[in-house]
């Protein structure tokens, strides 16, 4: 039960840095990885499934999900992208995350995207934290876990269908 209370507190209080608070100096890869543990609850909780490595960052760059580094340094823009990528990759493939980010970035700056991302994250984290009752019995917790699992699956299905719908597809003549 103590771990559930800790999670509720993290869901209510732990948020990525505001755009203005992200370092405005370029960081090396190891500094970025260290910094990202403060940006994403999953990394902060030392969940091996959600770890971030230099190889992953390089793969995000190769796949076009993340802009190239400036030499060997990363700036505020990279942190903004990586903050969202670390969460999105937990439920989406790299390709699907790329479609979503590309669509989101089509008509806005990285700062506007990042601020919108944080607003959505805040709303959703609060909803989940509020859904977990204080002093819930084991049976109530199991029921809430079932509800969250089914809801997550339904939301993932809907998300993937929406992303498929907004993904540019080639027509019969090979044109997009």
N, C-alpha and C. Protein backbone atom coordinates (compact mmCIF):
# COMPACT_ATOMS: atom_id res chain seq x y z
N UNK A 1 0.82 -1.20 0.00
CA UNK A 1 0.00 0.00 0.00
C UNK A 1 0.86 1.27 0.00
N UNK A 2 2.01 1.18 0.64
CA UNK A 2 2.90 2.34 0.70
C UNK A 2 3.37 2.74 -0.69
N UNK A 3 3.67 1.74 -1.52
CA UNK A 3 4.12 2.02 -2.88
C UNK A 3 3.03 2.68 -3.70
N UNK A 4 1.79 2.30 -3.43
CA UNK A 4 0.67 2.91 -4.17
C UNK A 4 0.52 4.37 -3.77
N UNK A 5 0.68 4.65 -2.49
CA UNK A 5 0.63 6.04 -2.03
C UNK A 5 1.75 6.86 -2.64
N UNK A 6 2.95 6.25 -2.72
CA UNK A 6 4.09 6.94 -3.37
C UNK A 6 3.78 7.26 -4.82
N UNK A 7 3.19 6.29 -5.51
CA UNK A 7 2.83 6.50 -6.91
C UNK A 7 1.80 7.62 -7.04
N UNK A 8 0.79 7.62 -6.17
CA UNK A 8 -0.22 8.68 -6.21
C UNK A 8 0.43 10.05 -6.04
N UNK A 9 1.35 10.15 -5.10
CA UNK A 9 2.05 11.42 -4.87
C UNK A 9 2.84 11.81 -6.11
N UNK A 10 3.55 10.85 -6.70
CA UNK A 10 4.32 11.15 -7.92
C UNK A 10 3.39 11.58 -9.06
N UNK A 11 2.27 10.88 -9.21
CA UNK A 11 1.31 11.24 -10.27
C UNK A 11 0.74 12.64 -10.04
N UNK A 12 0.58 13.02 -8.80
CA UNK A 12 0.03 14.34 -8.48
C UNK A 12 1.08 15.45 -8.55
N UNK A 13 2.33 15.12 -8.21
CA UNK A 13 3.32 16.18 -8.02
C UNK A 13 4.50 16.18 -8.99
N UNK A 14 4.91 15.02 -9.46
CA UNK A 14 6.10 14.96 -10.33
C UNK A 14 5.74 15.36 -11.75
N UNK A 15 6.38 16.40 -12.21
CA UNK A 15 6.14 16.89 -13.55
C UNK A 15 7.47 17.23 -14.20
N UNK A 16 7.52 17.15 -15.52
CA UNK A 16 8.73 17.61 -16.20
C UNK A 16 8.95 19.10 -15.91
N UNK A 17 10.18 19.51 -16.02
CA UNK A 17 10.50 20.93 -15.83
C UNK A 17 9.71 21.78 -16.82
N UNK A 18 9.36 22.96 -16.41
CA UNK A 18 8.76 23.91 -17.35
C UNK A 18 9.82 24.26 -18.39
N UNK A 19 9.38 24.66 -19.57
CA UNK A 19 10.29 24.95 -20.68
C UNK A 19 11.41 25.89 -20.24
N UNK A 20 11.05 26.94 -19.52
CA UNK A 20 12.02 27.95 -19.12
C UNK A 20 13.04 27.40 -18.13
N UNK A 21 12.71 26.30 -17.45
CA UNK A 21 13.61 25.74 -16.44
C UNK A 21 14.56 24.68 -17.02
N UNK A 22 14.31 24.25 -18.25
CA UNK A 22 15.22 23.31 -18.89
C UNK A 22 16.53 24.06 -19.14
N UNK A 23 17.67 23.43 -18.87
CA UNK A 23 18.94 24.13 -19.05
C UNK A 23 19.07 24.76 -20.45
N UNK A 24 19.55 25.98 -20.46
CA UNK A 24 19.73 26.66 -21.75
C UNK A 24 21.18 26.54 -22.23
N UNK A 25 21.90 25.60 -21.63
CA UNK A 25 23.26 25.28 -22.09
C UNK A 25 23.23 23.88 -22.68
N UNK A 26 24.09 23.62 -23.62
CA UNK A 26 24.13 22.31 -24.25
C UNK A 26 24.71 21.28 -23.28
N UNK A 27 24.17 20.07 -23.36
CA UNK A 27 24.58 18.98 -22.47
C UNK A 27 25.17 17.84 -23.28
N UNK A 28 26.10 17.11 -22.67
CA UNK A 28 26.63 15.90 -23.27
C UNK A 28 25.65 14.75 -23.03
N UNK A 29 25.81 13.68 -23.78
CA UNK A 29 24.89 12.53 -23.72
C UNK A 29 24.66 12.04 -22.30
N UNK A 30 25.72 11.82 -21.52
CA UNK A 30 25.54 11.30 -20.16
C UNK A 30 24.77 12.28 -19.28
N UNK A 31 24.95 13.58 -19.52
CA UNK A 31 24.20 14.59 -18.77
C UNK A 31 22.72 14.58 -19.16
N UNK A 32 22.45 14.36 -20.44
CA UNK A 32 21.07 14.27 -20.92
C UNK A 32 20.37 13.08 -20.27
N UNK A 33 21.03 11.93 -20.28
CA UNK A 33 20.44 10.72 -19.69
C UNK A 33 20.16 10.93 -18.21
N UNK A 34 21.09 11.53 -17.51
CA UNK A 34 20.90 11.83 -16.09
C UNK A 34 19.75 12.82 -15.89
N UNK A 35 19.71 13.84 -16.71
CA UNK A 35 18.66 14.87 -16.60
C UNK A 35 17.28 14.27 -16.85
N UNK A 36 17.20 13.32 -17.78
CA UNK A 36 15.90 12.76 -18.14
C UNK A 36 15.25 12.00 -17.00
N UNK A 37 16.02 11.52 -16.02
CA UNK A 37 15.40 10.84 -14.89
C UNK A 37 14.51 11.80 -14.09
N UNK A 38 14.76 13.09 -14.21
CA UNK A 38 13.91 14.09 -13.53
C UNK A 38 12.71 14.47 -14.37
N UNK A 39 12.74 14.14 -15.63
CA UNK A 39 11.69 14.55 -16.55
C UNK A 39 10.56 13.53 -16.68
N UNK A 40 10.80 12.28 -16.33
CA UNK A 40 9.84 11.22 -16.61
C UNK A 40 9.72 10.29 -15.42
N UNK A 41 8.51 10.14 -14.88
CA UNK A 41 8.28 9.33 -13.68
C UNK A 41 8.85 7.93 -13.83
N UNK A 42 8.63 7.29 -14.99
CA UNK A 42 9.11 5.92 -15.19
C UNK A 42 10.61 5.80 -15.04
N UNK A 43 11.34 6.79 -15.51
CA UNK A 43 12.80 6.78 -15.37
C UNK A 43 13.18 7.07 -13.92
N UNK A 44 12.43 7.94 -13.29
CA UNK A 44 12.68 8.31 -11.90
C UNK A 44 12.49 7.13 -10.96
N UNK A 45 11.56 6.24 -11.31
CA UNK A 45 11.27 5.08 -10.46
C UNK A 45 12.24 3.93 -10.72
N UNK A 46 13.24 4.16 -11.58
CA UNK A 46 14.23 3.14 -11.91
C UNK A 46 13.60 1.88 -12.47
N UNK A 47 12.60 2.03 -13.28
CA UNK A 47 11.95 0.91 -13.94
C UNK A 47 12.81 0.49 -15.12
N UNK A 48 13.36 -0.71 -15.08
CA UNK A 48 14.25 -1.17 -16.15
C UNK A 48 13.59 -1.10 -17.52
N UNK A 49 12.28 -1.32 -17.58
CA UNK A 49 11.58 -1.28 -18.86
C UNK A 49 11.61 0.12 -19.47
N UNK A 50 11.79 1.12 -18.65
CA UNK A 50 11.72 2.49 -19.14
C UNK A 50 13.07 3.19 -19.12
N UNK A 51 14.16 2.43 -19.01
CA UNK A 51 15.47 3.07 -18.97
C UNK A 51 15.77 3.73 -20.31
N UNK A 52 16.62 4.73 -20.26
CA UNK A 52 17.04 5.46 -21.45
C UNK A 52 18.54 5.28 -21.59
N UNK A 53 18.97 4.92 -22.78
CA UNK A 53 20.40 4.70 -23.03
C UNK A 53 20.87 5.57 -24.19
N UNK A 54 22.17 5.70 -24.31
CA UNK A 54 22.73 6.46 -25.43
C UNK A 54 22.39 5.79 -26.76
N UNK A 55 22.35 4.46 -26.78
CA UNK A 55 21.98 3.75 -28.01
C UNK A 55 20.55 4.09 -28.42
N UNK A 56 19.65 4.20 -27.45
CA UNK A 56 18.26 4.56 -27.76
C UNK A 56 18.20 5.97 -28.34
N UNK A 57 18.91 6.89 -27.73
CA UNK A 57 18.92 8.27 -28.24
C UNK A 57 19.46 8.30 -29.66
N UNK A 58 20.54 7.56 -29.92
CA UNK A 58 21.09 7.50 -31.27
C UNK A 58 20.09 6.89 -32.26
N UNK A 59 19.34 5.89 -31.83
CA UNK A 59 18.31 5.30 -32.69
C UNK A 59 17.18 6.29 -32.97
N UNK A 60 16.82 7.09 -31.97
CA UNK A 60 15.77 8.10 -32.20
C UNK A 60 16.24 9.12 -33.23
N UNK A 61 17.52 9.46 -33.19
CA UNK A 61 18.08 10.39 -34.17
C UNK A 61 18.08 9.76 -35.56
N UNK A 62 18.54 8.51 -35.65
CA UNK A 62 18.59 7.82 -36.94
C UNK A 62 17.21 7.66 -37.56
N UNK A 63 16.19 7.45 -36.72
CA UNK A 63 14.83 7.25 -37.22
C UNK A 63 14.12 8.57 -37.50
N UNK A 64 14.76 9.69 -37.19
CA UNK A 64 14.17 10.99 -37.45
C UNK A 64 13.23 11.48 -36.37
N UNK A 65 13.16 10.75 -35.27
CA UNK A 65 12.29 11.12 -34.16
C UNK A 65 12.86 12.30 -33.37
N UNK A 66 14.17 12.40 -33.37
CA UNK A 66 14.88 13.41 -32.58
C UNK A 66 15.88 14.12 -33.50
N UNK A 67 15.95 15.45 -33.42
CA UNK A 67 16.95 16.15 -34.25
C UNK A 67 18.37 15.72 -33.90
N UNK A 68 19.27 15.86 -34.85
CA UNK A 68 20.68 15.53 -34.63
C UNK A 68 21.28 16.43 -33.55
N UNK A 69 22.25 15.87 -32.84
CA UNK A 69 22.97 16.64 -31.82
C UNK A 69 23.82 17.71 -32.50
N UNK A 70 24.18 18.73 -31.73
CA UNK A 70 25.09 19.78 -32.21
C UNK A 70 26.50 19.34 -31.81
N UNK A 71 27.16 18.69 -32.74
CA UNK A 71 28.43 18.06 -32.37
C UNK A 71 28.10 16.88 -31.47
N UNK A 72 28.53 16.95 -30.24
CA UNK A 72 28.20 15.90 -29.27
C UNK A 72 27.33 16.45 -28.15
N UNK A 73 26.67 17.58 -28.41
CA UNK A 73 25.88 18.22 -27.37
C UNK A 73 24.41 18.34 -27.77
N UNK A 74 23.58 18.35 -26.72
CA UNK A 74 22.13 18.40 -26.88
C UNK A 74 21.60 19.63 -26.17
N UNK A 75 20.59 20.26 -26.78
CA UNK A 75 20.06 21.50 -26.21
C UNK A 75 18.64 21.31 -25.66
N UNK A 76 18.03 22.41 -25.30
CA UNK A 76 16.69 22.43 -24.72
C UNK A 76 15.68 21.74 -25.64
N UNK A 77 15.83 21.94 -26.95
CA UNK A 77 14.92 21.32 -27.92
C UNK A 77 15.00 19.79 -27.82
N UNK A 78 16.20 19.25 -27.70
CA UNK A 78 16.37 17.81 -27.57
C UNK A 78 15.70 17.29 -26.30
N UNK A 79 15.86 18.03 -25.21
CA UNK A 79 15.24 17.64 -23.94
C UNK A 79 13.72 17.63 -24.09
N UNK A 80 13.18 18.64 -24.77
CA UNK A 80 11.74 18.70 -25.01
C UNK A 80 11.23 17.48 -25.76
N UNK A 81 11.92 17.16 -26.85
CA UNK A 81 11.54 15.97 -27.62
C UNK A 81 11.68 14.70 -26.78
N UNK A 82 12.83 14.53 -26.13
CA UNK A 82 13.08 13.31 -25.37
C UNK A 82 12.10 13.11 -24.22
N UNK A 83 11.66 14.20 -23.63
CA UNK A 83 10.68 14.10 -22.54
C UNK A 83 9.42 13.42 -23.04
N UNK A 84 8.95 13.84 -24.20
CA UNK A 84 7.75 13.22 -24.78
C UNK A 84 8.05 11.81 -25.29
N UNK A 85 9.17 11.64 -25.95
CA UNK A 85 9.52 10.33 -26.53
C UNK A 85 9.60 9.26 -25.44
N UNK A 86 10.19 9.58 -24.30
CA UNK A 86 10.33 8.58 -23.22
C UNK A 86 8.96 8.05 -22.78
N UNK A 87 7.96 8.88 -22.76
CA UNK A 87 6.62 8.43 -22.40
C UNK A 87 5.97 7.73 -23.59
N UNK A 88 6.01 8.34 -24.76
CA UNK A 88 5.31 7.78 -25.92
C UNK A 88 5.82 6.39 -26.29
N UNK A 89 7.11 6.15 -26.13
CA UNK A 89 7.66 4.85 -26.53
C UNK A 89 7.16 3.72 -25.63
N UNK A 90 6.55 4.04 -24.52
CA UNK A 90 5.99 3.01 -23.65
C UNK A 90 4.70 2.42 -24.21
N UNK A 91 4.05 3.16 -25.10
CA UNK A 91 2.78 2.68 -25.65
C UNK A 91 2.74 2.65 -27.17
N UNK A 92 3.71 3.28 -27.81
CA UNK A 92 3.73 3.36 -29.27
C UNK A 92 5.05 2.85 -29.82
N UNK A 93 5.02 2.40 -31.05
CA UNK A 93 6.27 2.06 -31.74
C UNK A 93 6.99 3.36 -32.06
N UNK A 94 8.25 3.26 -32.42
CA UNK A 94 9.02 4.46 -32.81
C UNK A 94 8.35 5.13 -34.01
N UNK A 95 7.88 4.33 -34.96
CA UNK A 95 7.20 4.89 -36.14
C UNK A 95 5.93 5.63 -35.78
N UNK A 96 5.13 5.04 -34.89
CA UNK A 96 3.88 5.68 -34.46
C UNK A 96 4.17 6.97 -33.69
N UNK A 97 5.17 6.92 -32.82
CA UNK A 97 5.57 8.13 -32.09
C UNK A 97 6.02 9.21 -33.07
N UNK A 98 6.72 8.80 -34.12
CA UNK A 98 7.16 9.74 -35.14
C UNK A 98 6.01 10.40 -35.86
N UNK A 99 4.98 9.62 -36.19
CA UNK A 99 3.78 10.18 -36.84
C UNK A 99 3.13 11.20 -35.92
N UNK A 100 2.98 10.85 -34.65
CA UNK A 100 2.34 11.75 -33.69
C UNK A 100 3.15 13.03 -33.52
N UNK A 101 4.46 12.89 -33.30
CA UNK A 101 5.30 14.07 -33.12
C UNK A 101 5.31 14.94 -34.37
N UNK A 102 5.41 14.32 -35.52
CA UNK A 102 5.42 15.06 -36.78
C UNK A 102 4.13 15.86 -36.94
N UNK A 103 3.02 15.21 -36.66
CA UNK A 103 1.73 15.90 -36.76
C UNK A 103 1.63 17.03 -35.76
N UNK A 104 2.06 16.78 -34.53
CA UNK A 104 2.01 17.80 -33.49
C UNK A 104 2.91 19.00 -33.83
N UNK A 105 4.05 18.73 -34.45
CA UNK A 105 5.03 19.78 -34.73
C UNK A 105 4.76 20.52 -36.05
N UNK A 106 3.78 20.05 -36.80
CA UNK A 106 3.53 20.62 -38.12
C UNK A 106 3.26 22.12 -38.07
N UNK A 107 2.54 22.58 -37.08
CA UNK A 107 2.15 23.99 -37.02
C UNK A 107 2.48 24.66 -35.70
N UNK A 108 3.49 24.14 -35.00
CA UNK A 108 3.86 24.75 -33.72
C UNK A 108 5.34 24.57 -33.47
N UNK A 109 5.82 25.39 -32.57
CA UNK A 109 7.23 25.30 -32.18
C UNK A 109 7.40 24.17 -31.17
N UNK A 110 8.63 23.77 -30.94
CA UNK A 110 8.90 22.75 -29.94
C UNK A 110 8.46 23.24 -28.56
N UNK A 111 8.63 24.52 -28.29
CA UNK A 111 8.19 25.06 -27.00
C UNK A 111 6.68 24.95 -26.84
N UNK A 112 5.92 25.30 -27.88
CA UNK A 112 4.46 25.17 -27.81
C UNK A 112 4.04 23.71 -27.65
N UNK A 113 4.69 22.83 -28.41
CA UNK A 113 4.39 21.39 -28.27
C UNK A 113 4.67 20.93 -26.85
N UNK A 114 5.83 21.28 -26.32
CA UNK A 114 6.25 20.84 -25.00
C UNK A 114 5.27 21.34 -23.93
N UNK A 115 4.84 22.59 -24.04
CA UNK A 115 3.88 23.13 -23.07
C UNK A 115 2.54 22.41 -23.17
N UNK A 116 2.10 22.10 -24.39
CA UNK A 116 0.86 21.35 -24.58
C UNK A 116 1.00 19.93 -24.03
N UNK A 117 2.12 19.29 -24.32
CA UNK A 117 2.40 17.95 -23.80
C UNK A 117 2.29 17.96 -22.27
N UNK A 118 2.91 18.94 -21.62
CA UNK A 118 2.87 19.01 -20.16
C UNK A 118 1.46 19.23 -19.63
N UNK A 119 0.67 20.00 -20.35
CA UNK A 119 -0.73 20.24 -19.95
C UNK A 119 -1.52 18.93 -20.01
N UNK A 120 -1.38 18.19 -21.10
CA UNK A 120 -2.07 16.91 -21.25
C UNK A 120 -1.59 15.92 -20.20
N UNK A 121 -0.28 15.85 -19.99
CA UNK A 121 0.30 14.95 -19.00
C UNK A 121 -0.26 15.27 -17.61
N UNK A 122 -0.32 16.54 -17.25
CA UNK A 122 -0.84 16.96 -15.96
C UNK A 122 -2.30 16.49 -15.79
N UNK A 123 -3.12 16.72 -16.80
CA UNK A 123 -4.53 16.32 -16.73
C UNK A 123 -4.66 14.81 -16.54
N UNK A 124 -3.93 14.04 -17.33
CA UNK A 124 -4.06 12.58 -17.30
C UNK A 124 -3.47 11.97 -16.03
N UNK A 125 -2.33 12.46 -15.59
CA UNK A 125 -1.75 11.95 -14.34
C UNK A 125 -2.69 12.23 -13.17
N UNK A 126 -3.28 13.42 -13.13
CA UNK A 126 -4.22 13.74 -12.05
C UNK A 126 -5.45 12.85 -12.09
N UNK A 127 -5.97 12.57 -13.28
CA UNK A 127 -7.14 11.67 -13.40
C UNK A 127 -6.83 10.30 -12.81
N UNK A 128 -5.67 9.77 -13.15
CA UNK A 128 -5.31 8.44 -12.66
C UNK A 128 -5.10 8.48 -11.14
N UNK A 129 -4.39 9.47 -10.66
CA UNK A 129 -4.17 9.57 -9.21
C UNK A 129 -5.50 9.68 -8.47
N UNK A 130 -6.42 10.47 -9.01
CA UNK A 130 -7.73 10.64 -8.37
C UNK A 130 -8.57 9.37 -8.41
N UNK A 131 -8.32 8.50 -9.38
CA UNK A 131 -9.11 7.27 -9.49
C UNK A 131 -8.71 6.22 -8.45
N UNK A 132 -7.54 6.38 -7.86
CA UNK A 132 -7.06 5.42 -6.86
C UNK A 132 -7.49 5.91 -5.48
N UNK A 133 -8.41 5.16 -4.86
CA UNK A 133 -8.95 5.57 -3.57
C UNK A 133 -7.91 5.43 -2.46
N UNK A 134 -7.94 6.38 -1.54
CA UNK A 134 -7.10 6.28 -0.35
C UNK A 134 -7.63 5.15 0.52
N UNK A 135 -6.72 4.43 1.15
CA UNK A 135 -7.08 3.33 2.05
C UNK A 135 -7.96 2.28 1.38
N UNK A 136 -7.76 2.05 0.10
CA UNK A 136 -8.55 1.05 -0.62
C UNK A 136 -8.16 -0.35 -0.15
N UNK A 137 -9.14 -1.23 -0.16
CA UNK A 137 -8.87 -2.63 0.18
C UNK A 137 -8.15 -3.29 -1.00
N UNK A 138 -7.61 -4.47 -0.75
CA UNK A 138 -6.93 -5.21 -1.81
C UNK A 138 -7.90 -5.50 -2.95
N UNK A 139 -9.13 -5.84 -2.61
CA UNK A 139 -10.15 -6.11 -3.63
C UNK A 139 -10.44 -4.87 -4.47
N UNK A 140 -10.55 -3.72 -3.80
CA UNK A 140 -10.80 -2.48 -4.54
C UNK A 140 -9.61 -2.11 -5.43
N UNK A 141 -8.40 -2.35 -4.93
CA UNK A 141 -7.21 -2.08 -5.74
C UNK A 141 -7.15 -3.00 -6.95
N UNK A 142 -7.50 -4.26 -6.75
CA UNK A 142 -7.51 -5.21 -7.87
C UNK A 142 -8.54 -4.78 -8.92
N UNK A 143 -9.69 -4.32 -8.46
CA UNK A 143 -10.73 -3.84 -9.39
C UNK A 143 -10.24 -2.60 -10.14
N UNK A 144 -9.57 -1.71 -9.45
CA UNK A 144 -9.03 -0.50 -10.09
C UNK A 144 -7.95 -0.88 -11.10
N UNK A 145 -7.11 -1.85 -10.75
CA UNK A 145 -6.07 -2.31 -11.68
C UNK A 145 -6.72 -2.88 -12.94
N UNK A 146 -7.79 -3.65 -12.78
CA UNK A 146 -8.50 -4.20 -13.94
C UNK A 146 -9.07 -3.07 -14.80
N UNK A 147 -9.71 -2.10 -14.17
CA UNK A 147 -10.28 -0.98 -14.91
C UNK A 147 -9.20 -0.21 -15.66
N UNK A 148 -8.07 0.04 -14.99
CA UNK A 148 -6.97 0.77 -15.63
C UNK A 148 -6.39 -0.02 -16.81
N UNK A 149 -6.26 -1.34 -16.64
CA UNK A 149 -5.71 -2.17 -17.72
C UNK A 149 -6.64 -2.17 -18.93
N UNK A 150 -7.93 -2.35 -18.71
CA UNK A 150 -8.89 -2.37 -19.82
C UNK A 150 -8.96 -0.99 -20.47
N UNK A 151 -8.97 0.06 -19.67
CA UNK A 151 -8.99 1.42 -20.20
C UNK A 151 -7.74 1.71 -21.02
N UNK A 152 -6.58 1.28 -20.51
CA UNK A 152 -5.32 1.48 -21.24
C UNK A 152 -5.37 0.79 -22.60
N UNK A 153 -5.89 -0.43 -22.63
CA UNK A 153 -5.97 -1.17 -23.88
C UNK A 153 -6.90 -0.47 -24.86
N UNK A 154 -8.07 -0.05 -24.38
CA UNK A 154 -9.03 0.64 -25.26
C UNK A 154 -8.43 1.94 -25.79
N UNK A 155 -7.74 2.67 -24.94
CA UNK A 155 -7.12 3.92 -25.37
C UNK A 155 -5.99 3.66 -26.36
N UNK A 156 -5.23 2.59 -26.16
CA UNK A 156 -4.16 2.25 -27.08
C UNK A 156 -4.73 1.89 -28.45
N UNK A 157 -5.82 1.10 -28.48
CA UNK A 157 -6.46 0.77 -29.75
C UNK A 157 -6.92 2.03 -30.48
N UNK A 158 -7.57 2.91 -29.75
CA UNK A 158 -8.07 4.16 -30.36
C UNK A 158 -6.90 5.01 -30.85
N UNK A 159 -5.86 5.12 -30.05
CA UNK A 159 -4.69 5.91 -30.43
C UNK A 159 -4.07 5.38 -31.70
N UNK A 160 -3.88 4.07 -31.78
CA UNK A 160 -3.26 3.48 -32.96
C UNK A 160 -4.13 3.67 -34.20
N UNK A 161 -5.45 3.59 -34.06
CA UNK A 161 -6.35 3.81 -35.20
C UNK A 161 -6.27 5.26 -35.66
N UNK A 162 -6.25 6.18 -34.72
CA UNK A 162 -6.14 7.61 -35.07
C UNK A 162 -4.81 7.86 -35.77
N UNK A 163 -3.73 7.31 -35.24
CA UNK A 163 -2.42 7.51 -35.86
C UNK A 163 -2.38 6.92 -37.26
N UNK A 164 -3.00 5.76 -37.44
CA UNK A 164 -3.07 5.17 -38.78
C UNK A 164 -3.84 6.08 -39.73
N UNK A 165 -4.89 6.68 -39.21
CA UNK A 165 -5.72 7.59 -40.02
C UNK A 165 -4.97 8.86 -40.43
N UNK A 166 -4.09 9.36 -39.57
CA UNK A 166 -3.38 10.61 -39.89
C UNK A 166 -2.02 10.37 -40.53
N UNK A 167 -1.65 9.09 -40.67
CA UNK A 167 -0.37 8.76 -41.32
C UNK A 167 -0.51 8.95 -42.82
N UNK A 168 0.41 9.72 -43.42
CA UNK A 168 0.36 9.86 -44.88
C UNK A 168 0.59 8.49 -45.54
N UNK A 169 -0.31 8.12 -46.44
CA UNK A 169 -0.21 6.85 -47.16
C UNK A 169 0.01 7.14 -48.64
N UNK A 170 0.78 6.27 -49.27
CA UNK A 170 0.99 6.42 -50.70
C UNK A 170 -0.25 5.94 -51.43
N UNK A 171 -0.64 6.68 -52.50
CA UNK A 171 -1.77 6.22 -53.30
C UNK A 171 -1.27 5.21 -54.33
N UNK A 172 -2.16 4.79 -55.20
CA UNK A 172 -1.84 3.73 -56.17
C UNK A 172 -0.68 4.10 -57.08
N UNK A 173 -0.47 5.38 -57.33
CA UNK A 173 0.59 5.80 -58.23
C UNK A 173 1.90 6.07 -57.49
N UNK A 174 1.94 5.76 -56.20
CA UNK A 174 3.17 5.95 -55.43
C UNK A 174 3.35 7.36 -54.90
N UNK A 175 2.31 8.18 -55.02
CA UNK A 175 2.38 9.55 -54.50
C UNK A 175 1.76 9.60 -53.13
N UNK A 176 2.27 10.51 -52.30
CA UNK A 176 1.70 10.70 -50.96
C UNK A 176 0.55 11.65 -51.02
